[in-house]
């Protein structure tokens, strides 16, 4: 890769991450490049400088939050409600492994989520963020790393998991994709299965966390989303592939919306590589067709 131009080298690295996946031993550092925390072309000295800057910026945000917290408590009812929601969600998390070893620090997690809510008004807190940030806490050591990786992940994935930004668009494009690629299934989903697709919003809100059998599988899919390969908004192709897993059962049993949703919720313990491969097959099928402009603009 050192013989390639910077642009081609970047593309090659992203392609390798997409095709091969990341080894657990390099995941912590590699994520900092995939998210944009570090530049791919940065030197070690430059990365030390950037990390120091991000640590200082995080500390400054924490200090700012401590100063304005009383004001937020007195003037913003949404702040109190959101803080309570975060606390409730965090208490539901399993914080120990099967041997009883503590995996996560719930107090640190709560602090990072509150700071993210206050500092990133574009992505208001929603159920699911607590589980996402928990995975970042399992990946990296320091609070400033957890905070910034989460922010950069949201940006790099175009806020596709945020309810008031990307989720609705994902669901609309999923319906459009089904209509284009599988008219028979689309007809059923618009008739007896009405409302089923719109009810799949947790897939996007939780970024498919609950569909996999391990954290490694979750990270594997997220890494693909961060590469932007083979296309933008790959998460919708993933959702389409998951729907195809229940398609035959839905049509044979002429399922209604609630039963379709139940069948979809039973899609758990999936293998990330198999699901990614299935979504890639869908993409290969898509690009061979005369794709409507709305799908072109969304994926290509």
C-alpha atoms as a PDB file:
ATOM      1  CA  UNK A   1       0.000   0.000   0.000  1.00  0.00           C
ATOM      2  CA  UNK A   2       2.917   2.349   0.574  1.00  0.00           C
ATOM      3  CA  UNK A   3       3.505   2.418  -3.204  1.00  0.00           C
ATOM      4  CA  UNK A   4      -0.019   3.678  -3.875  1.00  0.00           C
ATOM      5  CA  UNK A   5      -1.128   7.292  -4.052  1.00  0.00           C
ATOM      6  CA  UNK A   6      -2.811   8.540  -0.819  1.00  0.00           C
ATOM      7  CA  UNK A   7      -6.228   8.319  -2.460  1.00  0.00           C
ATOM      8  CA  UNK A   8      -5.714   4.766  -3.751  1.00  0.00           C
ATOM      9  CA  UNK A   9      -4.091   3.702  -0.498  1.00  0.00           C
ATOM     10  CA  UNK A  10      -7.147   4.917   1.431  1.00  0.00           C
ATOM     11  CA  UNK A  11      -9.470   3.068  -0.933  1.00  0.00           C
ATOM     12  CA  UNK A  12      -7.414  -0.118  -0.599  1.00  0.00           C
ATOM     13  CA  UNK A  13      -7.487   0.041   3.196  1.00  0.00           C
ATOM     14  CA  UNK A  14     -11.226   0.586   3.264  1.00  0.00           C
ATOM     15  CA  UNK A  15     -11.739  -2.263   0.793  1.00  0.00           C
ATOM     16  CA  UNK A  16      -9.640  -4.574   2.950  1.00  0.00           C
ATOM     17  CA  UNK A  17     -11.689  -3.637   6.018  1.00  0.00           C
ATOM     18  CA  UNK A  18     -14.878  -4.280   4.065  1.00  0.00           C
ATOM     19  CA  UNK A  19     -13.889  -7.606   2.489  1.00  0.00           C
ATOM     20  CA  UNK A  20     -11.771  -9.205   5.213  1.00  0.00           C
ATOM     21  CA  UNK A  21     -13.020  -7.597   8.403  1.00  0.00           C
ATOM     22  CA  UNK A  22     -10.802  -6.388  11.228  1.00  0.00           C
ATOM     23  CA  UNK A  23      -8.846  -8.666  13.527  1.00  0.00           C
ATOM     24  CA  UNK A  24      -9.829  -8.040  17.181  1.00  0.00           C
ATOM     25  CA  UNK A  25      -6.225  -7.135  18.025  1.00  0.00           C
ATOM     26  CA  UNK A  26      -6.270  -4.130  15.685  1.00  0.00           C
ATOM     27  CA  UNK A  27      -9.907  -3.098  16.023  1.00  0.00           C
ATOM     28  CA  UNK A  28      -9.339  -0.444  18.707  1.00  0.00           C
ATOM     29  CA  UNK A  29      -6.808   1.464  16.611  1.00  0.00           C
ATOM     30  CA  UNK A  30      -8.384   0.755  13.234  1.00  0.00           C
ATOM     31  CA  UNK A  31     -11.716   2.243  14.323  1.00  0.00           C
ATOM     32  CA  UNK A  32     -10.011   5.569  14.912  1.00  0.00           C
ATOM     33  CA  UNK A  33      -9.136   5.663  11.234  1.00  0.00           C
ATOM     34  CA  UNK A  34     -12.446   4.301   9.956  1.00  0.00           C
ATOM     35  CA  UNK A  35     -14.454   6.899  11.888  1.00  0.00           C
ATOM     36  CA  UNK A  36     -12.183   9.827  11.055  1.00  0.00           C
ATOM     37  CA  UNK A  37     -10.848  10.227  14.604  1.00  0.00           C
ATOM     38  CA  UNK A  38      -7.421  10.026  12.908  1.00  0.00           C
ATOM     39  CA  UNK A  39      -6.534  10.753   9.305  1.00  0.00           C
ATOM     40  CA  UNK A  40      -5.376   7.772   7.251  1.00  0.00           C
ATOM     41  CA  UNK A  41      -2.350   9.809   6.120  1.00  0.00           C
ATOM     42  CA  UNK A  42      -1.327  10.995   9.606  1.00  0.00           C
ATOM     43  CA  UNK A  43       2.049  10.242  11.174  1.00  0.00           C
ATOM     44  CA  UNK A  44       2.421   8.830  14.673  1.00  0.00           C
ATOM     45  CA  UNK A  45       3.445  12.251  16.016  1.00  0.00           C
ATOM     46  CA  UNK A  46       0.406  13.846  14.371  1.00  0.00           C
ATOM     47  CA  UNK A  47      -1.868  11.220  15.918  1.00  0.00           C
ATOM     48  CA  UNK A  48      -0.450  11.899  19.377  1.00  0.00           C
ATOM     49  CA  UNK A  49      -1.173  15.587  18.865  1.00  0.00           C
ATOM     50  CA  UNK A  50      -4.712  14.923  17.653  1.00  0.00           C
ATOM     51  CA  UNK A  51      -5.443  12.577  20.546  1.00  0.00           C
ATOM     52  CA  UNK A  52      -4.180  15.165  23.023  1.00  0.00           C
ATOM     53  CA  UNK A  53      -6.388  17.807  21.391  1.00  0.00           C
ATOM     54  CA  UNK A  54      -9.452  15.542  21.553  1.00  0.00           C
ATOM     55  CA  UNK A  55      -8.739  14.801  25.221  1.00  0.00           C
ATOM     56  CA  UNK A  56      -8.533  18.531  26.004  1.00  0.00           C
ATOM     57  CA  UNK A  57     -11.678  19.297  24.024  1.00  0.00           C
ATOM     58  CA  UNK A  58     -13.563  16.573  25.853  1.00  0.00           C
ATOM     59  CA  UNK A  59     -12.393  17.916  29.202  1.00  0.00           C
ATOM     60  CA  UNK A  60     -13.521  21.421  28.194  1.00  0.00           C
ATOM     61  CA  UNK A  61     -16.963  20.071  27.247  1.00  0.00           C
ATOM     62  CA  UNK A  62     -17.231  18.340  30.625  1.00  0.00           C
ATOM     63  CA  UNK A  63     -16.365  21.572  32.416  1.00  0.00           C
ATOM     64  CA  UNK A  64     -18.900  23.498  30.357  1.00  0.00           C
ATOM     65  CA  UNK A  65     -21.568  20.912  31.153  1.00  0.00           C
ATOM     66  CA  UNK A  66     -20.897  21.173  34.894  1.00  0.00           C
ATOM     67  CA  UNK A  67     -21.354  24.953  34.715  1.00  0.00           C
ATOM     68  CA  UNK A  68     -24.618  24.909  32.787  1.00  0.00           C
ATOM     69  CA  UNK A  69     -26.178  21.850  34.434  1.00  0.00           C
ATOM     70  CA  UNK A  70     -28.130  23.879  37.047  1.00  0.00           C
ATOM     71  CA  UNK A  71     -29.472  26.099  34.267  1.00  0.00           C
ATOM     72  CA  UNK A  72     -30.550  23.074  32.242  1.00  0.00           C
ATOM     73  CA  UNK A  73     -32.297  21.563  35.258  1.00  0.00           C
ATOM     74  CA  UNK A  74     -34.239  24.761  35.949  1.00  0.00           C
ATOM     75  CA  UNK A  75     -35.141  25.889  32.445  1.00  0.00           C
ATOM     76  CA  UNK A  76     -35.336  22.800  30.275  1.00  0.00           C
ATOM     77  CA  UNK A  77     -37.896  20.160  31.188  1.00  0.00           C
ATOM     78  CA  UNK A  78     -36.600  17.954  28.387  1.00  0.00           C
ATOM     79  CA  UNK A  79     -33.219  17.766  30.123  1.00  0.00           C
ATOM     80  CA  UNK A  80     -34.666  16.245  33.307  1.00  0.00           C
ATOM     81  CA  UNK A  81     -36.768  13.797  31.302  1.00  0.00           C
ATOM     82  CA  UNK A  82     -33.836  12.775  29.112  1.00  0.00           C
ATOM     83  CA  UNK A  83     -31.535  12.335  32.098  1.00  0.00           C
ATOM     84  CA  UNK A  84     -34.096  10.051  33.721  1.00  0.00           C
ATOM     85  CA  UNK A  85     -34.505   8.072  30.499  1.00  0.00           C
ATOM     86  CA  UNK A  86     -30.747   7.604  30.226  1.00  0.00           C
ATOM     87  CA  UNK A  87     -30.530   6.439  33.838  1.00  0.00           C
ATOM     88  CA  UNK A  88     -33.357   3.923  33.343  1.00  0.00           C
ATOM     89  CA  UNK A  89     -31.891   2.563  30.123  1.00  0.00           C
ATOM     90  CA  UNK A  90     -28.445   2.140  31.638  1.00  0.00           C
ATOM     91  CA  UNK A  91     -29.801   0.260  34.650  1.00  0.00           C
ATOM     92  CA  UNK A  92     -31.252  -2.337  32.270  1.00  0.00           C
ATOM     93  CA  UNK A  93     -27.845  -3.140  30.812  1.00  0.00           C
ATOM     94  CA  UNK A  94     -26.033  -6.292  31.849  1.00  0.00           C
ATOM     95  CA  UNK A  95     -22.759  -4.999  33.227  1.00  0.00           C
ATOM     96  CA  UNK A  96     -21.112  -8.353  34.020  1.00  0.00           C
ATOM     97  CA  UNK A  97     -19.942 -11.334  32.003  1.00  0.00           C
ATOM     98  CA  UNK A  98     -21.028 -14.943  32.832  1.00  0.00           C
ATOM     99  CA  UNK A  99     -18.157 -15.196  35.329  1.00  0.00           C
ATOM    100  CA  UNK A 100     -19.301 -12.102  37.215  1.00  0.00           C
ATOM    101  CA  UNK A 101     -16.558  -9.805  35.961  1.00  0.00           C
ATOM    102  CA  UNK A 102     -17.647  -6.186  35.506  1.00  0.00           C
ATOM    103  CA  UNK A 103     -17.672  -5.271  31.815  1.00  0.00           C
ATOM    104  CA  UNK A 104     -18.803  -1.662  31.834  1.00  0.00           C
ATOM    105  CA  UNK A 105     -18.846   1.332  34.140  1.00  0.00           C
ATOM    106  CA  UNK A 106     -22.446   2.577  34.201  1.00  0.00           C
ATOM    107  CA  UNK A 107     -21.588   5.916  35.809  1.00  0.00           C
ATOM    108  CA  UNK A 108     -19.084   6.745  33.082  1.00  0.00           C
ATOM    109  CA  UNK A 109     -21.563   5.601  30.459  1.00  0.00           C
ATOM    110  CA  UNK A 110     -24.271   7.876  31.869  1.00  0.00           C
ATOM    111  CA  UNK A 111     -21.919  10.859  31.896  1.00  0.00           C
ATOM    112  CA  UNK A 112     -20.904  10.335  28.243  1.00  0.00           C
ATOM    113  CA  UNK A 113     -24.516   9.942  27.093  1.00  0.00           C
ATOM    114  CA  UNK A 114     -25.606  13.100  28.920  1.00  0.00           C
ATOM    115  CA  UNK A 115     -22.702  15.055  27.472  1.00  0.00           C
ATOM    116  CA  UNK A 116     -23.535  13.785  24.001  1.00  0.00           C
ATOM    117  CA  UNK A 117     -27.151  14.848  24.437  1.00  0.00           C
ATOM    118  CA  UNK A 118     -26.179  18.351  25.554  1.00  0.00           C
ATOM    119  CA  UNK A 119     -23.451  18.873  22.935  1.00  0.00           C
ATOM    120  CA  UNK A 120     -25.031  17.205  19.912  1.00  0.00           C
ATOM    121  CA  UNK A 121     -28.496  18.669  19.554  1.00  0.00           C
ATOM    122  CA  UNK A 122     -28.764  17.196  16.061  1.00  0.00           C
ATOM    123  CA  UNK A 123     -28.885  13.692  17.522  1.00  0.00           C
ATOM    124  CA  UNK A 124     -31.129  13.852  20.580  1.00  0.00           C
ATOM    125  CA  UNK A 125     -30.912  10.934  22.974  1.00  0.00           C
ATOM    126  CA  UNK A 126     -32.974   7.911  21.984  1.00  0.00           C
ATOM    127  CA  UNK A 127     -33.297   4.380  23.289  1.00  0.00           C
ATOM    128  CA  UNK A 128     -30.519   2.376  21.704  1.00  0.00           C
ATOM    129  CA  UNK A 129     -27.782   4.944  22.137  1.00  0.00           C
ATOM    130  CA  UNK A 130     -26.977   3.455  25.551  1.00  0.00           C
ATOM    131  CA  UNK A 131     -26.236   0.083  23.963  1.00  0.00           C
ATOM    132  CA  UNK A 132     -24.200   1.650  21.164  1.00  0.00           C
ATOM    133  CA  UNK A 133     -22.025   3.656  23.537  1.00  0.00           C
ATOM    134  CA  UNK A 134     -21.622   0.562  25.720  1.00  0.00           C
ATOM    135  CA  UNK A 135     -19.962  -1.171  22.753  1.00  0.00           C
ATOM    136  CA  UNK A 136     -17.580   1.753  22.349  1.00  0.00           C
ATOM    137  CA  UNK A 137     -16.741   1.521  26.052  1.00  0.00           C
ATOM    138  CA  UNK A 138     -15.906  -2.153  25.559  1.00  0.00           C
ATOM    139  CA  UNK A 139     -13.659  -1.248  22.631  1.00  0.00           C
ATOM    140  CA  UNK A 140     -11.567   1.666  23.919  1.00  0.00           C
ATOM    141  CA  UNK A 141     -10.212   2.666  27.295  1.00  0.00           C
ATOM    142  CA  UNK A 142     -10.632   6.403  27.788  1.00  0.00           C
ATOM    143  CA  UNK A 143     -13.807   8.484  28.077  1.00  0.00           C
ATOM    144  CA  UNK A 144     -12.706  11.024  25.480  1.00  0.00           C
ATOM    145  CA  UNK A 145     -12.160   8.180  22.984  1.00  0.00           C
ATOM    146  CA  UNK A 146     -15.616   6.738  23.664  1.00  0.00           C
ATOM    147  CA  UNK A 147     -17.285  10.130  23.281  1.00  0.00           C
ATOM    148  CA  UNK A 148     -15.561  11.125  20.044  1.00  0.00           C
ATOM    149  CA  UNK A 149     -15.831   7.697  18.422  1.00  0.00           C
ATOM    150  CA  UNK A 150     -19.583   7.793  19.005  1.00  0.00           C
ATOM    151  CA  UNK A 151     -19.873  11.294  17.517  1.00  0.00           C
ATOM    152  CA  UNK A 152     -17.762  10.396  14.501  1.00  0.00           C
ATOM    153  CA  UNK A 153     -19.668   7.149  13.984  1.00  0.00           C
ATOM    154  CA  UNK A 154     -22.960   9.053  13.811  1.00  0.00           C
ATOM    155  CA  UNK A 155     -21.480  11.532  11.333  1.00  0.00           C
ATOM    156  CA  UNK A 156     -19.782   8.915   9.150  1.00  0.00           C
ATOM    157  CA  UNK A 157     -22.985   6.870   8.873  1.00  0.00           C
ATOM    158  CA  UNK A 158     -24.939  10.044   8.028  1.00  0.00           C
ATOM    159  CA  UNK A 159     -26.980   9.781  11.255  1.00  0.00           C
ATOM    160  CA  UNK A 160     -28.802   6.809   9.710  1.00  0.00           C
ATOM    161  CA  UNK A 161     -29.677   5.442  13.181  1.00  0.00           C
ATOM    162  CA  UNK A 162     -31.136   8.732  14.460  1.00  0.00           C
ATOM    163  CA  UNK A 163     -34.939   8.755  14.555  1.00  0.00           C
ATOM    164  CA  UNK A 164     -35.469  12.380  13.576  1.00  0.00           C
ATOM    165  CA  UNK A 165     -32.845  12.299  10.793  1.00  0.00           C
ATOM    166  CA  UNK A 166     -32.133   8.975   9.110  1.00  0.00           C
ATOM    167  CA  UNK A 167     -34.511   6.286  10.325  1.00  0.00           C
ATOM    168  CA  UNK A 168     -37.625   7.514   8.527  1.00  0.00           C
ATOM    169  CA  UNK A 169     -35.673   7.880   5.284  1.00  0.00           C
ATOM    170  CA  UNK A 170     -34.288   4.354   5.684  1.00  0.00           C
ATOM    171  CA  UNK A 171     -37.788   2.918   6.089  1.00  0.00           C
ATOM    172  CA  UNK A 172     -39.130   4.819   3.077  1.00  0.00           C
ATOM    173  CA  UNK A 173     -36.244   3.658   0.893  1.00  0.00           C
ATOM    174  CA  UNK A 174     -36.632   0.087   2.162  1.00  0.00           C
ATOM    175  CA  UNK A 175     -40.246   0.138   0.959  1.00  0.00           C
ATOM    176  CA  UNK A 176     -39.142   1.596  -2.382  1.00  0.00           C
ATOM    177  CA  UNK A 177     -36.459  -1.081  -2.739  1.00  0.00           C
ATOM    178  CA  UNK A 178     -38.912  -3.905  -2.028  1.00  0.00           C
ATOM    179  CA  UNK A 179     -41.348  -2.488  -4.585  1.00  0.00           C
ATOM    180  CA  UNK A 180     -38.583  -2.358  -7.204  1.00  0.00           C
ATOM    181  CA  UNK A 181     -36.909  -5.726  -6.581  1.00  0.00           C
ATOM    182  CA  UNK A 182     -39.771  -7.862  -5.241  1.00  0.00           C
ATOM    183  CA  UNK A 183     -43.189  -6.581  -6.429  1.00  0.00           C
ATOM    184  CA  UNK A 184     -45.058  -9.673  -5.191  1.00  0.00           C
ATOM    185  CA  UNK A 185     -43.735  -9.249  -1.641  1.00  0.00           C
ATOM    186  CA  UNK A 186     -44.359  -5.497  -1.825  1.00  0.00           C
ATOM    187  CA  UNK A 187     -47.991  -6.102  -2.771  1.00  0.00           C
ATOM    188  CA  UNK A 188     -48.502  -8.283   0.293  1.00  0.00           C
ATOM    189  CA  UNK A 189     -46.757  -5.791   2.576  1.00  0.00           C
ATOM    190  CA  UNK A 190     -48.983  -2.984   1.309  1.00  0.00           C
ATOM    191  CA  UNK A 191     -52.119  -5.090   1.739  1.00  0.00           C
ATOM    192  CA  UNK A 192     -52.486  -7.627   4.525  1.00  0.00           C
ATOM    193  CA  UNK A 193     -49.012  -6.821   5.868  1.00  0.00           C
ATOM    194  CA  UNK A 194     -49.623  -3.081   5.996  1.00  0.00           C
ATOM    195  CA  UNK A 195     -47.510  -1.254   8.557  1.00  0.00           C
ATOM    196  CA  UNK A 196     -44.951  -4.038   8.946  1.00  0.00           C
ATOM    197  CA  UNK A 197     -42.065  -2.238   7.238  1.00  0.00           C
ATOM    198  CA  UNK A 198     -42.599   0.998   9.186  1.00  0.00           C
ATOM    199  CA  UNK A 199     -42.561  -1.061  12.394  1.00  0.00           C
ATOM    200  CA  UNK A 200     -39.014  -2.218  11.692  1.00  0.00           C
ATOM    201  CA  UNK A 201     -37.522   1.076  12.904  1.00  0.00           C
ATOM    202  CA  UNK A 202     -35.709  -0.655  15.839  1.00  0.00           C
ATOM    203  CA  UNK A 203     -33.415  -2.366  13.311  1.00  0.00           C
ATOM    204  CA  UNK A 204     -32.082   1.037  12.318  1.00  0.00           C
ATOM    205  CA  UNK A 205     -32.307   2.721  15.749  1.00  0.00           C
ATOM    206  CA  UNK A 206     -30.205  -0.034  17.316  1.00  0.00           C
ATOM    207  CA  UNK A 207     -28.090  -0.369  14.171  1.00  0.00           C
ATOM    208  CA  UNK A 208     -28.939  -4.102  14.073  1.00  0.00           C
ATOM    209  CA  UNK A 209     -27.234  -4.818  17.417  1.00  0.00           C
ATOM    210  CA  UNK A 210     -29.911  -7.212  18.611  1.00  0.00           C
ATOM    211  CA  UNK A 211     -29.855  -9.347  15.464  1.00  0.00           C
ATOM    212  CA  UNK A 212     -26.380 -10.780  16.015  1.00  0.00           C
ATOM    213  CA  UNK A 213     -24.950 -13.523  18.161  1.00  0.00           C
ATOM    214  CA  UNK A 214     -21.872 -11.614  19.352  1.00  0.00           C
ATOM    215  CA  UNK A 215     -20.406  -8.134  19.753  1.00  0.00           C
ATOM    216  CA  UNK A 216     -17.816  -9.080  17.138  1.00  0.00           C
ATOM    217  CA  UNK A 217     -20.615  -9.542  14.616  1.00  0.00           C
ATOM    218  CA  UNK A 218     -22.048  -6.122  15.473  1.00  0.00           C
ATOM    219  CA  UNK A 219     -18.650  -4.467  15.092  1.00  0.00           C
ATOM    220  CA  UNK A 220     -18.124  -6.337  11.815  1.00  0.00           C
ATOM    221  CA  UNK A 221     -21.277  -4.856  10.280  1.00  0.00           C
ATOM    222  CA  UNK A 222     -20.580  -1.386  11.669  1.00  0.00           C
ATOM    223  CA  UNK A 223     -17.113  -1.504  10.152  1.00  0.00           C
ATOM    224  CA  UNK A 224     -18.638  -2.181   6.749  1.00  0.00           C
ATOM    225  CA  UNK A 225     -21.011   0.774   7.177  1.00  0.00           C
ATOM    226  CA  UNK A 226     -18.027   2.993   8.009  1.00  0.00           C
ATOM    227  CA  UNK A 227     -16.161   2.046   4.824  1.00  0.00           C
ATOM    228  CA  UNK A 228     -19.017   3.279   2.643  1.00  0.00           C
ATOM    229  CA  UNK A 229     -18.566   0.146   0.527  1.00  0.00           C
ATOM    230  CA  UNK A 230     -19.985  -1.224  -1.658  1.00  0.00           C
ATOM    231  CA  UNK A 231     -22.324   1.794  -1.541  1.00  0.00           C
ATOM    232  CA  UNK A 232     -23.827   4.470   0.653  1.00  0.00           C
ATOM    233  CA  UNK A 233     -26.674   3.533   3.001  1.00  0.00           C
ATOM    234  CA  UNK A 234     -25.734  -0.135   2.974  1.00  0.00           C
ATOM    235  CA  UNK A 235     -27.895  -0.560   6.092  1.00  0.00           C
ATOM    236  CA  UNK A 236     -31.052  -0.567   3.938  1.00  0.00           C
ATOM    237  CA  UNK A 237     -29.696  -3.461   1.855  1.00  0.00           C
ATOM    238  CA  UNK A 238     -28.997  -5.278   5.117  1.00  0.00           C
ATOM    239  CA  UNK A 239     -32.602  -4.732   6.238  1.00  0.00           C
ATOM    240  CA  UNK A 240     -33.887  -5.917   2.842  1.00  0.00           C
ATOM    241  CA  UNK A 241     -31.776  -9.086   3.158  1.00  0.00           C
ATOM    242  CA  UNK A 242     -33.209  -9.759   6.622  1.00  0.00           C
ATOM    243  CA  UNK A 243     -36.753  -9.347   5.298  1.00  0.00           C
ATOM    244  CA  UNK A 244     -35.959 -11.862   2.572  1.00  0.00           C
ATOM    245  CA  UNK A 245     -35.221 -14.405   5.320  1.00  0.00           C
ATOM    246  CA  UNK A 246     -38.889 -14.373   6.354  1.00  0.00           C
ATOM    247  CA  UNK A 247     -40.380 -13.728   2.909  1.00  0.00           C
ATOM    248  CA  UNK A 248     -41.354 -17.313   2.094  1.00  0.00           C
ATOM    249  CA  UNK A 249     -42.982 -17.860   5.490  1.00  0.00           C
ATOM    250  CA  UNK A 250     -44.860 -14.545   5.247  1.00  0.00           C
ATOM    251  CA  UNK A 251     -46.319 -15.346   1.829  1.00  0.00           C
ATOM    252  CA  UNK A 252     -47.079 -19.004   2.532  1.00  0.00           C
ATOM    253  CA  UNK A 253     -48.902 -18.214   5.759  1.00  0.00           C
ATOM    254  CA  UNK A 254     -50.371 -14.965   4.422  1.00  0.00           C
ATOM    255  CA  UNK A 255     -49.190 -13.158   7.542  1.00  0.00           C
ATOM    256  CA  UNK A 256     -50.585  -9.860   8.757  1.00  0.00           C
ATOM    257  CA  UNK A 257     -48.511  -6.947   9.986  1.00  0.00           C
ATOM    258  CA  UNK A 258     -48.188  -8.074  13.605  1.00  0.00           C
ATOM    259  CA  UNK A 259     -47.134 -11.610  12.656  1.00  0.00           C
ATOM    260  CA  UNK A 260     -44.587 -10.270  10.162  1.00  0.00           C
ATOM    261  CA  UNK A 261     -43.119  -8.059  12.859  1.00  0.00           C
ATOM    262  CA  UNK A 262     -42.931 -11.029  15.242  1.00  0.00           C
ATOM    263  CA  UNK A 263     -41.152 -13.123  12.605  1.00  0.00           C
ATOM    264  CA  UNK A 264     -38.681 -10.294  12.007  1.00  0.00           C
ATOM    265  CA  UNK A 265     -38.054  -9.880  15.734  1.00  0.00           C
ATOM    266  CA  UNK A 266     -37.167 -13.575  15.868  1.00  0.00           C
ATOM    267  CA  UNK A 267     -34.225 -12.963  13.529  1.00  0.00           C
ATOM    268  CA  UNK A 268     -31.485 -13.231  16.138  1.00  0.00           C
ATOM    269  CA  UNK A 269     -28.052 -14.850  16.471  1.00  0.00           C
ATOM    270  CA  UNK A 270     -27.283 -14.019  12.846  1.00  0.00           C
ATOM    271  CA  UNK A 271     -23.806 -14.311  11.365  1.00  0.00           C
ATOM    272  CA  UNK A 272     -22.511 -10.920  10.214  1.00  0.00           C
ATOM    273  CA  UNK A 273     -20.456 -12.215   7.296  1.00  0.00           C
ATOM    274  CA  UNK A 274     -23.408 -14.174   5.914  1.00  0.00           C
ATOM    275  CA  UNK A 275     -25.709 -11.171   6.225  1.00  0.00           C
ATOM    276  CA  UNK A 276     -23.160  -8.817   4.638  1.00  0.00           C
ATOM    277  CA  UNK A 277     -22.698 -11.271   1.766  1.00  0.00           C
ATOM    278  CA  UNK A 278     -26.453 -11.485   1.225  1.00  0.00           C
ATOM    279  CA  UNK A 279     -26.716  -7.687   1.155  1.00  0.00           C
ATOM    280  CA  UNK A 280     -23.855  -7.518  -1.357  1.00  0.00           C
ATOM    281  CA  UNK A 281     -25.741  -9.933  -3.622  1.00  0.00           C
ATOM    282  CA  UNK A 282     -28.738  -7.582  -3.448  1.00  0.00           C
ATOM    283  CA  UNK A 283     -26.490  -4.672  -4.390  1.00  0.00           C
ATOM    284  CA  UNK A 284     -25.043  -6.630  -7.338  1.00  0.00           C
ATOM    285  CA  UNK A 285     -28.592  -7.349  -8.508  1.00  0.00           C
ATOM    286  CA  UNK A 286     -29.589  -3.720  -8.072  1.00  0.00           C
ATOM    287  CA  UNK A 287     -26.813  -2.176 -10.152  1.00  0.00           C
ATOM    288  CA  UNK A 288     -27.595  -4.474 -13.090  1.00  0.00           C
ATOM    289  CA  UNK A 289     -31.079  -2.984 -13.406  1.00  0.00           C
ATOM    290  CA  UNK A 290     -32.436   0.306 -14.652  1.00  0.00           C
ATOM    291  CA  UNK A 291     -32.648   1.781 -11.168  1.00  0.00           C
ATOM    292  CA  UNK A 292     -35.147   4.595 -10.399  1.00  0.00           C
ATOM    293  CA  UNK A 293     -33.537   7.945  -9.697  1.00  0.00           C
ATOM    294  CA  UNK A 294     -34.614   7.927  -6.047  1.00  0.00           C
ATOM    295  CA  UNK A 295     -32.685   4.686  -5.435  1.00  0.00           C
ATOM    296  CA  UNK A 296     -29.696   5.937  -7.433  1.00  0.00           C
ATOM    297  CA  UNK A 297     -29.495   9.084  -5.340  1.00  0.00           C
ATOM    298  CA  UNK A 298     -29.765   7.089  -2.112  1.00  0.00           C
ATOM    299  CA  UNK A 299     -27.314   4.265  -2.814  1.00  0.00           C
ATOM    300  CA  UNK A 300     -24.971   5.393  -5.567  1.00  0.00           C
END
